[in-house]
Structures are given as structure tokens and as C-alpha cells.
């Protein structure tokens, strides 16, 4: 698989994880905590896939298979870090909402 396809997998998985975490937060805000937990579990699986791709790329680079860092790669990393931040904050906010109910 070429690098562009690998990087696009990072973008798609990360973007989907972020969107799913936001959807989970909205479900929690409505008091539907069971659905919120299901959605966060889905988001966790999506981000895990992205993290596995990133880890493989890092290992490849450490083994001498360097990848050119272009705008697409930077964009993918932005998506991944943004998704991770949104997920962390969503988890915390869902816990706060659970305690308020």
C-alpha cells in the first residue's frame, strides 16, 4: 500500500473517532449514558487503528524506511492529535455529566 493511502487511513480513522466522541458527548448531555459509553468504545477502536498505523510508520522509520513528511502527513498527524484530545475531554465531560444525574 502506498504512503498516501496509509496516511488517508490515519485521517479517516482519526476524523471518525473525533466525530464519534462528539456524538457520545451529545448522547450523555441528553442523559443517554449507555449509548454514550457505546459510542466512546467505538471511538476508542477507531483511534486504536490510527495509533497502530502511526506506530508502524514510526517503527519503519526507526528501521531505516524513512517517509517524506509532506503536508498530507502533517494533516494526518493533526487529525490524530485533535481526535485524541477531543476523546480525552469527552470522556471527562461524560463522567461529570454522569455524576450530575
PDB file of N, CA and C in Angstrom:
ATOM      1  N   UNK A   1       0.858  -1.182   0.000  1.00  0.00           N
ATOM      2  CA  UNK A   1       0.000   0.000   0.000  1.00  0.00           C
ATOM      3  C   UNK A   1       0.898   1.237   0.000  1.00  0.00           C
ATOM      4  N   UNK A   2       0.536   2.209  -0.825  1.00  0.00           N
ATOM      5  CA  UNK A   2       1.374   3.400  -0.912  1.00  0.00           C
ATOM      6  C   UNK A   2       1.114   4.332   0.271  1.00  0.00           C
ATOM      7  N   UNK A   3       2.051   5.222   0.482  1.00  0.00           N
ATOM      8  CA  UNK A   3       2.037   6.087   1.660  1.00  0.00           C
ATOM      9  C   UNK A   3       0.799   6.983   1.692  1.00  0.00           C
ATOM     10  N   UNK A   4       0.334   7.432   0.533  1.00  0.00           N
ATOM     11  CA  UNK A   4      -0.850   8.292   0.519  1.00  0.00           C
ATOM     12  C   UNK A   4      -2.073   7.570   1.071  1.00  0.00           C
ATOM     13  N   UNK A   5      -2.221   6.288   0.724  1.00  0.00           N
ATOM     14  CA  UNK A   5      -3.358   5.505   1.225  1.00  0.00           C
ATOM     15  C   UNK A   5      -3.235   5.276   2.732  1.00  0.00           C
ATOM     16  N   UNK A   6      -2.036   5.024   3.198  1.00  0.00           N
ATOM     17  CA  UNK A   6      -1.804   4.813   4.629  1.00  0.00           C
ATOM     18  C   UNK A   6      -2.136   6.095   5.397  1.00  0.00           C
ATOM     19  N   UNK A   7      -1.665   7.213   4.892  1.00  0.00           N
ATOM     20  CA  UNK A   7      -1.913   8.493   5.554  1.00  0.00           C
ATOM     21  C   UNK A   7      -3.404   8.824   5.533  1.00  0.00           C
ATOM     22  N   UNK A   8      -4.083   8.521   4.441  1.00  0.00           N
ATOM     23  CA  UNK A   8      -5.520   8.787   4.377  1.00  0.00           C
ATOM     24  C   UNK A   8      -6.284   7.918   5.382  1.00  0.00           C
ATOM     25  N   UNK A   9      -5.800   6.709   5.640  1.00  0.00           N
ATOM     26  CA  UNK A   9      -6.410   5.879   6.686  1.00  0.00           C
ATOM     27  C   UNK A   9      -6.301   6.562   8.045  1.00  0.00           C
ATOM     28  N   UNK A  10      -5.154   7.181   8.286  1.00  0.00           N
ATOM     29  CA  UNK A  10      -4.982   7.939   9.525  1.00  0.00           C
ATOM     30  C   UNK A  10      -5.997   9.067   9.620  1.00  0.00           C
ATOM     31  N   UNK A  11      -6.155   9.804   8.546  1.00  0.00           N
ATOM     32  CA  UNK A  11      -7.082  10.936   8.526  1.00  0.00           C
ATOM     33  C   UNK A  11      -8.509  10.450   8.757  1.00  0.00           C
ATOM     34  N   UNK A  12      -8.922   9.422   8.032  1.00  0.00           N
ATOM     35  CA  UNK A  12     -10.303   8.945   8.117  1.00  0.00           C
ATOM     36  C   UNK A  12     -10.594   8.355   9.497  1.00  0.00           C
ATOM     37  N   UNK A  13      -9.731   7.467   9.971  1.00  0.00           N
ATOM     38  CA  UNK A  13      -9.960   6.854  11.286  1.00  0.00           C
ATOM     39  C   UNK A  13      -9.970   7.900  12.398  1.00  0.00           C
ATOM     40  N   UNK A  14      -9.041   8.819  12.335  1.00  0.00           N
ATOM     41  CA  UNK A  14      -8.968   9.862  13.361  1.00  0.00           C
ATOM     42  C   UNK A  14     -10.182  10.776  13.309  1.00  0.00           C
ATOM     43  N   UNK A  15     -10.564  11.176  12.113  1.00  0.00           N
ATOM     44  CA  UNK A  15     -11.736  12.036  11.958  1.00  0.00           C
ATOM     45  C   UNK A  15     -13.004  11.358  12.440  1.00  0.00           C
ATOM     46  N   UNK A  16     -13.141  10.074  12.121  1.00  0.00           N
ATOM     47  CA  UNK A  16     -14.308   9.322  12.578  1.00  0.00           C
ATOM     48  C   UNK A  16     -14.314   9.177  14.098  1.00  0.00           C
ATOM     49  N   UNK A  17     -13.153   8.957  14.683  1.00  0.00           N
ATOM     50  CA  UNK A  17     -13.065   8.842  16.145  1.00  0.00           C
ATOM     51  C   UNK A  17     -13.475  10.150  16.805  1.00  0.00           C
ATOM     52  N   UNK A  18     -13.017  11.252  16.272  1.00  0.00           N
ATOM     53  CA  UNK A  18     -13.367  12.566  16.823  1.00  0.00           C
ATOM     54  C   UNK A  18     -14.869  12.797  16.741  1.00  0.00           C
ATOM     55  N   UNK A  19     -15.446  12.550  15.575  1.00  0.00           N
ATOM     56  CA  UNK A  19     -16.884  12.745  15.383  1.00  0.00           C
ATOM     57  C   UNK A  19     -17.700  11.847  16.301  1.00  0.00           C
ATOM     58  N   UNK A  20     -17.262  10.617  16.471  1.00  0.00           N
ATOM     59  CA  UNK A  20     -17.977   9.679  17.329  1.00  0.00           C
ATOM     60  C   UNK A  20     -17.889  10.100  18.787  1.00  0.00           C
ATOM     61  N   UNK A  21     -16.761  10.631  19.199  1.00  0.00           N
ATOM     62  CA  UNK A  21     -16.619  11.122  20.577  1.00  0.00           C
ATOM     63  C   UNK A  21     -17.551  12.307  20.830  1.00  0.00           C
ATOM     64  N   UNK A  22     -17.674  13.186  19.863  1.00  0.00           N
ATOM     65  CA  UNK A  22     -18.594  14.327  19.997  1.00  0.00           C
ATOM     66  C   UNK A  22     -20.031  13.816  20.072  1.00  0.00           C
ATOM     67  N   UNK A  23     -20.355  12.836  19.254  1.00  0.00           N
ATOM     68  CA  UNK A  23     -21.690  12.236  19.288  1.00  0.00           C
ATOM     69  C   UNK A  23     -21.960  11.600  20.657  1.00  0.00           C
ATOM     70  N   UNK A  24     -20.945  10.968  21.231  1.00  0.00           N
ATOM     71  CA  UNK A  24     -21.077  10.370  22.564  1.00  0.00           C
ATOM     72  C   UNK A  24     -21.341  11.440  23.614  1.00  0.00           C
ATOM     73  N   UNK A  25     -20.642  12.533  23.515  1.00  0.00           N
ATOM     74  CA  UNK A  25     -20.839  13.634  24.459  1.00  0.00           C
ATOM     75  C   UNK A  25     -22.259  14.188  24.356  1.00  0.00           C
ATOM     76  N   UNK A  26     -22.755  14.303  23.149  1.00  0.00           N
ATOM     77  CA  UNK A  26     -24.135  14.778  22.959  1.00  0.00           C
ATOM     78  C   UNK A  26     -25.146  13.798  23.552  1.00  0.00           C
ATOM     79  N   UNK A  27     -24.891  12.500  23.393  1.00  0.00           N
ATOM     80  CA  UNK A  27     -25.783  11.496  23.976  1.00  0.00           C
ATOM     81  C   UNK A  27     -25.778  11.600  25.501  1.00  0.00           C
ATOM     82  N   UNK A  28     -24.609  11.808  26.063  1.00  0.00           N
ATOM     83  CA  UNK A  28     -24.501  11.956  27.519  1.00  0.00           C
ATOM     84  C   UNK A  28     -25.222  13.205  27.993  1.00  0.00           C
ATOM     85  N   UNK A  29     -25.106  14.264  27.241  1.00  0.00           N
ATOM     86  CA  UNK A  29     -25.783  15.509  27.593  1.00  0.00           C
ATOM     87  C   UNK A  29     -27.298  15.316  27.649  1.00  0.00           C
ATOM     88  N   UNK A  30     -27.794  14.398  26.812  1.00  0.00           N
ATOM     89  CA  UNK A  30     -29.224  14.081  26.795  1.00  0.00           C
ATOM     90  C   UNK A  30     -29.586  13.027  27.839  1.00  0.00           C
ATOM     91  N   UNK A  31     -28.588  12.549  28.584  1.00  0.00           N
ATOM     92  CA  UNK A  31     -28.838  11.563  29.628  1.00  0.00           C
ATOM     93  C   UNK A  31     -28.778  10.124  29.163  1.00  0.00           C
ATOM     94  N   UNK A  32     -28.401   9.894  27.924  1.00  0.00           N
ATOM     95  CA  UNK A  32     -28.324   8.543  27.376  1.00  0.00           C
ATOM     96  C   UNK A  32     -26.887   8.012  27.548  1.00  0.00           C
ATOM     97  N   UNK A  33     -26.558   7.662  28.783  1.00  0.00           N
ATOM     98  CA  UNK A  33     -25.182   7.286  29.117  1.00  0.00           C
ATOM     99  C   UNK A  33     -24.773   5.937  28.543  1.00  0.00           C
ATOM    100  N   UNK A  34     -25.715   5.033  28.423  1.00  0.00           N
ATOM    101  CA  UNK A  34     -25.390   3.727  27.842  1.00  0.00           C
ATOM    102  C   UNK A  34     -24.940   3.900  26.390  1.00  0.00           C
ATOM    103  N   UNK A  35     -25.686   4.707  25.636  1.00  0.00           N
ATOM    104  CA  UNK A  35     -25.312   4.965  24.244  1.00  0.00           C
ATOM    105  C   UNK A  35     -23.988   5.737  24.176  1.00  0.00           C
ATOM    106  N   UNK A  36     -23.815   6.673  25.087  1.00  0.00           N
ATOM    107  CA  UNK A  36     -22.565   7.442  25.128  1.00  0.00           C
ATOM    108  C   UNK A  36     -21.369   6.510  25.341  1.00  0.00           C
ATOM    109  N   UNK A  37     -21.517   5.560  26.255  1.00  0.00           N
ATOM    110  CA  UNK A  37     -20.426   4.615  26.512  1.00  0.00           C
ATOM    111  C   UNK A  37     -20.152   3.740  25.288  1.00  0.00           C
ATOM    112  N   UNK A  38     -21.218   3.311  24.614  1.00  0.00           N
ATOM    113  CA  UNK A  38     -21.045   2.511  23.393  1.00  0.00           C
ATOM    114  C   UNK A  38     -20.283   3.299  22.332  1.00  0.00           C
ATOM    115  N   UNK A  39     -20.671   4.550  22.169  1.00  0.00           N
ATOM    116  CA  UNK A  39     -20.009   5.393  21.175  1.00  0.00           C
ATOM    117  C   UNK A  39     -18.548   5.645  21.524  1.00  0.00           C
ATOM    118  N   UNK A  40     -18.261   5.859  22.798  1.00  0.00           N
ATOM    119  CA  UNK A  40     -16.862   6.067  23.190  1.00  0.00           C
ATOM    120  C   UNK A  40     -16.043   4.800  22.962  1.00  0.00           C
ATOM    121  N   UNK A  41     -16.644   3.637  23.163  1.00  0.00           N
ATOM    122  CA  UNK A  41     -15.940   2.387  22.862  1.00  0.00           C
ATOM    123  C   UNK A  41     -15.641   2.285  21.365  1.00  0.00           C
ATOM    124  N   UNK A  42     -16.603   2.693  20.538  1.00  0.00           N
ATOM    125  CA  UNK A  42     -16.372   2.715  19.087  1.00  0.00           C
ATOM    126  C   UNK A  42     -15.236   3.677  18.742  1.00  0.00           C
ATOM    127  N   UNK A  43     -15.264   4.852  19.343  1.00  0.00           N
ATOM    128  CA  UNK A  43     -14.223   5.854  19.079  1.00  0.00           C
ATOM    129  C   UNK A  43     -12.855   5.318  19.510  1.00  0.00           C
ATOM    130  N   UNK A  44     -12.826   4.616  20.636  1.00  0.00           N
ATOM    131  CA  UNK A  44     -11.568   4.025  21.105  1.00  0.00           C
ATOM    132  C   UNK A  44     -11.004   3.043  20.075  1.00  0.00           C
ATOM    133  N   UNK A  45     -11.866   2.242  19.472  1.00  0.00           N
ATOM    134  CA  UNK A  45     -11.416   1.284  18.459  1.00  0.00           C
ATOM    135  C   UNK A  45     -10.880   1.998  17.220  1.00  0.00           C
ATOM    136  N   UNK A  46     -11.541   3.068  16.843  1.00  0.00           N
ATOM    137  CA  UNK A  46     -11.096   3.835  15.670  1.00  0.00           C
ATOM    138  C   UNK A  46      -9.733   4.471  15.919  1.00  0.00           C
ATOM    139  N   UNK A  47      -9.573   5.053  17.102  1.00  0.00           N
ATOM    140  CA  UNK A  47      -8.308   5.720  17.395  1.00  0.00           C
ATOM    141  C   UNK A  47      -7.197   4.691  17.566  1.00  0.00           C
ATOM    142  N   UNK A  48      -7.547   3.512  18.047  1.00  0.00           N
ATOM    143  CA  UNK A  48      -6.562   2.432  18.163  1.00  0.00           C
ATOM    144  C   UNK A  48      -6.021   2.060  16.788  1.00  0.00           C
ATOM    145  N   UNK A  49      -6.907   2.002  15.801  1.00  0.00           N
ATOM    146  CA  UNK A  49      -6.456   1.704  14.436  1.00  0.00           C
ATOM    147  C   UNK A  49      -5.491   2.771  13.937  1.00  0.00           C
ATOM    148  N   UNK A  50      -5.812   4.020  14.195  1.00  0.00           N
ATOM    149  CA  UNK A  50      -4.919   5.113  13.792  1.00  0.00           C
ATOM    150  C   UNK A  50      -3.585   5.017  14.509  1.00  0.00           C
ATOM    151  N   UNK A  51      -3.645   4.726  15.793  1.00  0.00           N
ATOM    152  CA  UNK A  51      -2.418   4.634  16.576  1.00  0.00           C
ATOM    153  C   UNK A  51      -1.547   3.482  16.091  1.00  0.00           C
ATOM    154  N   UNK A  52      -2.165   2.373  15.708  1.00  0.00           N
ATOM    155  CA  UNK A  52      -1.403   1.235  15.184  1.00  0.00           C
ATOM    156  C   UNK A  52      -0.707   1.599  13.876  1.00  0.00           C
ATOM    157  N   UNK A  53      -1.399   2.338  13.021  1.00  0.00           N
ATOM    158  CA  UNK A  53      -0.795   2.791  11.763  1.00  0.00           C
ATOM    159  C   UNK A  53       0.389   3.704  12.059  1.00  0.00           C
ATOM    160  N   UNK A  54       0.193   4.641  12.977  1.00  0.00           N
ATOM    161  CA  UNK A  54       1.257   5.568  13.339  1.00  0.00           C
ATOM    162  C   UNK A  54       2.449   4.815  13.927  1.00  0.00           C
ATOM    163  N   UNK A  55       2.196   3.864  14.796  1.00  0.00           N
ATOM    164  CA  UNK A  55       3.273   3.088  15.417  1.00  0.00           C
ATOM    165  C   UNK A  55       4.063   2.316  14.369  1.00  0.00           C
ATOM    166  N   UNK A  56       3.357   1.732  13.407  1.00  0.00           N
ATOM    167  CA  UNK A  56       4.045   1.006  12.334  1.00  0.00           C
ATOM    168  C   UNK A  56       4.923   1.943  11.521  1.00  0.00           C
ATOM    169  N   UNK A  57       4.428   3.140  11.247  1.00  0.00           N
ATOM    170  CA  UNK A  57       5.220   4.105  10.500  1.00  0.00           C
ATOM    171  C   UNK A  57       6.466   4.527  11.276  1.00  0.00           C
ATOM    172  N   UNK A  58       6.310   4.706  12.569  1.00  0.00           N
ATOM    173  CA  UNK A  58       7.454   5.072  13.412  1.00  0.00           C
ATOM    174  C   UNK A  58       8.478   3.947  13.430  1.00  0.00           C
ATOM    175  N   UNK A  59       8.007   2.716  13.584  1.00  0.00           N
ATOM    176  CA  UNK A  59       8.919   1.568  13.592  1.00  0.00           C
ATOM    177  C   UNK A  59       9.650   1.441  12.258  1.00  0.00           C
ATOM    178  N   UNK A  60       8.924   1.653  11.159  1.00  0.00           N
ATOM    179  CA  UNK A  60       9.560   1.603   9.843  1.00  0.00           C
ATOM    180  C   UNK A  60      10.659   2.648   9.732  1.00  0.00           C
ATOM    181  N   UNK A  61      10.366   3.851  10.225  1.00  0.00           N
ATOM    182  CA  UNK A  61      11.376   4.911  10.157  1.00  0.00           C
ATOM    183  C   UNK A  61      12.596   4.555  11.012  1.00  0.00           C
ATOM    184  N   UNK A  62      12.350   3.999  12.186  1.00  0.00           N
ATOM    185  CA  UNK A  62      13.472   3.592  13.042  1.00  0.00           C
ATOM    186  C   UNK A  62      14.311   2.502  12.389  1.00  0.00           C
ATOM    187  N   UNK A  63      13.688   1.719  11.509  1.00  0.00           N
ATOM    188  CA  UNK A  63      14.397   0.655  10.803  1.00  0.00           C
ATOM    189  C   UNK A  63      14.954   1.108   9.460  1.00  0.00           C
ATOM    190  N   UNK A  64      15.005   2.428   9.250  1.00  0.00           N
ATOM    191  CA  UNK A  64      15.640   2.961   8.059  1.00  0.00           C
ATOM    192  C   UNK A  64      14.724   3.224   6.889  1.00  0.00           C
ATOM    193  N   UNK A  65      13.435   2.957   7.030  1.00  0.00           N
ATOM    194  CA  UNK A  65      12.486   3.201   5.943  1.00  0.00           C
ATOM    195  C   UNK A  65      11.820   4.556   6.174  1.00  0.00           C
ATOM    196  N   UNK A  66      12.548   5.598   5.853  1.00  0.00           N
ATOM    197  CA  UNK A  66      12.062   6.956   6.100  1.00  0.00           C
ATOM    198  C   UNK A  66      10.950   7.318   5.126  1.00  0.00           C
ATOM    199  N   UNK A  67      10.024   8.109   5.629  1.00  0.00           N
ATOM    200  CA  UNK A  67       8.903   8.597   4.845  1.00  0.00           C
ATOM    201  C   UNK A  67       9.043  10.100   4.711  1.00  0.00           C
ATOM    202  N   UNK A  68       8.815  10.587   3.507  1.00  0.00           N
ATOM    203  CA  UNK A  68       8.858  12.029   3.296  1.00  0.00           C
ATOM    204  C   UNK A  68       7.691  12.668   4.052  1.00  0.00           C
ATOM    205  N   UNK A  69       8.015  13.688   4.821  1.00  0.00           N
ATOM    206  CA  UNK A  69       6.982  14.383   5.572  1.00  0.00           C
ATOM    207  C   UNK A  69       6.479  15.552   4.736  1.00  0.00           C
ATOM    208  N   UNK A  70       5.270  15.367   4.227  1.00  0.00           N
ATOM    209  CA  UNK A  70       4.650  16.408   3.431  1.00  0.00           C
ATOM    210  C   UNK A  70       3.427  16.942   4.141  1.00  0.00           C
ATOM    211  N   UNK A  71       2.712  17.803   3.466  1.00  0.00           N
ATOM    212  CA  UNK A  71       1.532  18.420   4.042  1.00  0.00           C
ATOM    213  C   UNK A  71       0.480  17.381   4.402  1.00  0.00           C
ATOM    214  N   UNK A  72       0.335  16.346   3.600  1.00  0.00           N
ATOM    215  CA  UNK A  72      -0.645  15.296   3.882  1.00  0.00           C
ATOM    216  C   UNK A  72      -0.313  14.583   5.197  1.00  0.00           C
ATOM    217  N   UNK A  73       0.947  14.316   5.428  1.00  0.00           N
ATOM    218  CA  UNK A  73       1.361  13.663   6.673  1.00  0.00           C
ATOM    219  C   UNK A  73       1.107  14.582   7.871  1.00  0.00           C
ATOM    220  N   UNK A  74       1.418  15.842   7.733  1.00  0.00           N
ATOM    221  CA  UNK A  74       1.175  16.799   8.812  1.00  0.00           C
ATOM    222  C   UNK A  74      -0.322  16.879   9.094  1.00  0.00           C
ATOM    223  N   UNK A  75      -1.113  16.894   8.051  1.00  0.00           N
ATOM    224  CA  UNK A  75      -2.569  16.934   8.182  1.00  0.00           C
ATOM    225  C   UNK A  75      -3.068  15.696   8.947  1.00  0.00           C
ATOM    226  N   UNK A  76      -2.538  14.549   8.620  1.00  0.00           N
ATOM    227  CA  UNK A  76      -2.936  13.306   9.295  1.00  0.00           C
ATOM    228  C   UNK A  76      -2.579  13.350  10.775  1.00  0.00           C
ATOM    229  N   UNK A  77      -1.394  13.840  11.091  1.00  0.00           N
ATOM    230  CA  UNK A  77      -0.980  13.934  12.491  1.00  0.00           C
ATOM    231  C   UNK A  77      -1.848  14.931  13.247  1.00  0.00           C
ATOM    232  N   UNK A  78      -2.216  16.021  12.587  1.00  0.00           N
ATOM    233  CA  UNK A  78      -3.129  16.992  13.206  1.00  0.00           C
ATOM    234  C   UNK A  78      -4.463  16.330  13.546  1.00  0.00           C
ATOM    235  N   UNK A  79      -4.982  15.552  12.598  1.00  0.00           N
ATOM    236  CA  UNK A  79      -6.242  14.850  12.835  1.00  0.00           C
ATOM    237  C   UNK A  79      -6.133  13.896  14.014  1.00  0.00           C
ATOM    238  N   UNK A  80      -5.054  13.153  14.068  1.00  0.00           N
ATOM    239  CA  UNK A  80      -4.871  12.180  15.144  1.00  0.00           C
ATOM    240  C   UNK A  80      -4.780  12.872  16.501  1.00  0.00           C
ATOM    241  N   UNK A  81      -3.966  13.893  16.600  1.00  0.00           N
ATOM    242  CA  UNK A  81      -3.810  14.581  17.887  1.00  0.00           C
ATOM    243  C   UNK A  81      -5.101  15.282  18.304  1.00  0.00           C
ATOM    244  N   UNK A  82      -5.802  15.865  17.345  1.00  0.00           N
ATOM    245  CA  UNK A  82      -7.072  16.516  17.642  1.00  0.00           C
ATOM    246  C   UNK A  82      -8.085  15.490  18.137  1.00  0.00           C
ATOM    247  N   UNK A  83      -8.154  14.355  17.478  1.00  0.00           N
ATOM    248  CA  UNK A  83      -9.089  13.302  17.889  1.00  0.00           C
ATOM    249  C   UNK A  83      -8.769  12.815  19.293  1.00  0.00           C
ATOM    250  N   UNK A  84      -7.502  12.631  19.588  1.00  0.00           N
ATOM    251  CA  UNK A  84      -7.109  12.162  20.922  1.00  0.00           C
ATOM    252  C   UNK A  84      -7.501  13.174  21.994  1.00  0.00           C
ATOM    253  N   UNK A  85      -7.318  14.447  21.702  1.00  0.00           N
ATOM    254  CA  UNK A  85      -7.683  15.494  22.660  1.00  0.00           C
ATOM    255  C   UNK A  85      -9.191  15.528  22.874  1.00  0.00           C
ATOM    256  N   UNK A  86      -9.949  15.502  21.785  1.00  0.00           N
ATOM    257  CA  UNK A  86     -11.406  15.524  21.886  1.00  0.00           C
ATOM    258  C   UNK A  86     -11.906  14.307  22.658  1.00  0.00           C
ATOM    259  N   UNK A  87     -11.307  13.161  22.407  1.00  0.00           N
ATOM    260  CA  UNK A  87     -11.725  11.947  23.117  1.00  0.00           C
ATOM    261  C   UNK A  87     -11.443  12.051  24.606  1.00  0.00           C
ATOM    262  N   UNK A  88     -10.268  12.527  24.963  1.00  0.00           N
ATOM    263  CA  UNK A  88      -9.929  12.679  26.385  1.00  0.00           C
ATOM    264  C   UNK A  88     -10.900  13.629  27.078  1.00  0.00           C
ATOM    265  N   UNK A  89     -11.156  14.752  26.451  1.00  0.00           N
ATOM    266  CA  UNK A  89     -12.076  15.725  27.041  1.00  0.00           C
ATOM    267  C   UNK A  89     -13.501  15.187  27.099  1.00  0.00           C
ATOM    268  N   UNK A  90     -13.919  14.481  26.059  1.00  0.00           N
ATOM    269  CA  UNK A  90     -15.267  13.907  26.047  1.00  0.00           C
ATOM    270  C   UNK A  90     -15.439  12.901  27.169  1.00  0.00           C
ATOM    271  N   UNK A  91     -14.443  12.056  27.383  1.00  0.00           N
ATOM    272  CA  UNK A  91     -14.517  11.075  28.471  1.00  0.00           C
ATOM    273  C   UNK A  91     -14.682  11.772  29.820  1.00  0.00           C
ATOM    274  N   UNK A  92     -13.913  12.809  30.040  1.00  0.00           N
ATOM    275  CA  UNK A  92     -14.002  13.539  31.304  1.00  0.00           C
ATOM    276  C   UNK A  92     -15.356  14.220  31.459  1.00  0.00           C
ATOM    277  N   UNK A  93     -15.830  14.832  30.392  1.00  0.00           N
ATOM    278  CA  UNK A  93     -17.110  15.530  30.463  1.00  0.00           C
ATOM    279  C   UNK A  93     -18.281  14.554  30.650  1.00  0.00           C
ATOM    280  N   UNK A  94     -18.200  13.397  30.042  1.00  0.00           N
ATOM    281  CA  UNK A  94     -19.239  12.384  30.226  1.00  0.00           C
ATOM    282  C   UNK A  94     -19.281  11.936  31.681  1.00  0.00           C
ATOM    283  N   UNK A  95     -18.116  11.754  32.286  1.00  0.00           N
ATOM    284  CA  UNK A  95     -18.075  11.367  33.702  1.00  0.00           C
ATOM    285  C   UNK A  95     -18.682  12.455  34.592  1.00  0.00           C
ATOM    286  N   UNK A  96     -18.419  13.694  34.270  1.00  0.00           N
ATOM    287  CA  UNK A  96     -19.007  14.807  35.036  1.00  0.00           C
ATOM    288  C   UNK A  96     -20.525  14.780  34.897  1.00  0.00           C
ATOM    289  N   UNK A  97     -21.008  14.579  33.664  1.00  0.00           N
ATOM    290  CA  UNK A  97     -22.457  14.526  33.438  1.00  0.00           C
ATOM    291  C   UNK A  97     -23.097  13.349  34.166  1.00  0.00           C
ATOM    292  N   UNK A  98     -22.408  12.222  34.225  1.00  0.00           N
ATOM    293  CA  UNK A  98     -22.942  11.061  34.939  1.00  0.00           C
ATOM    294  C   UNK A  98     -23.108  11.372  36.435  1.00  0.00           C
ATOM    295  N   UNK A  99     -22.174  12.074  36.997  1.00  0.00           N
ATOM    296  CA  UNK A  99     -22.232  12.401  38.421  1.00  0.00           C
ATOM    297  C   UNK A  99     -23.317  13.418  38.725  1.00  0.00           C
ATOM    298  N   UNK A 100     -23.684  14.222  37.748  1.00  0.00           N
ATOM    299  CA  UNK A 100     -24.734  15.224  37.950  1.00  0.00           C
ATOM    300  C   UNK A 100     -26.127  14.626  37.905  1.00  0.00           C
ATOM    301  N   UNK A 101     -26.270  13.457  37.326  1.00  0.00           N
ATOM    302  CA  UNK A 101     -27.611  12.836  37.182  1.00  0.00           C
ATOM    303  C   UNK A 101     -27.981  12.040  38.406  1.00  0.00           C
TER     304      UNK A 101
END
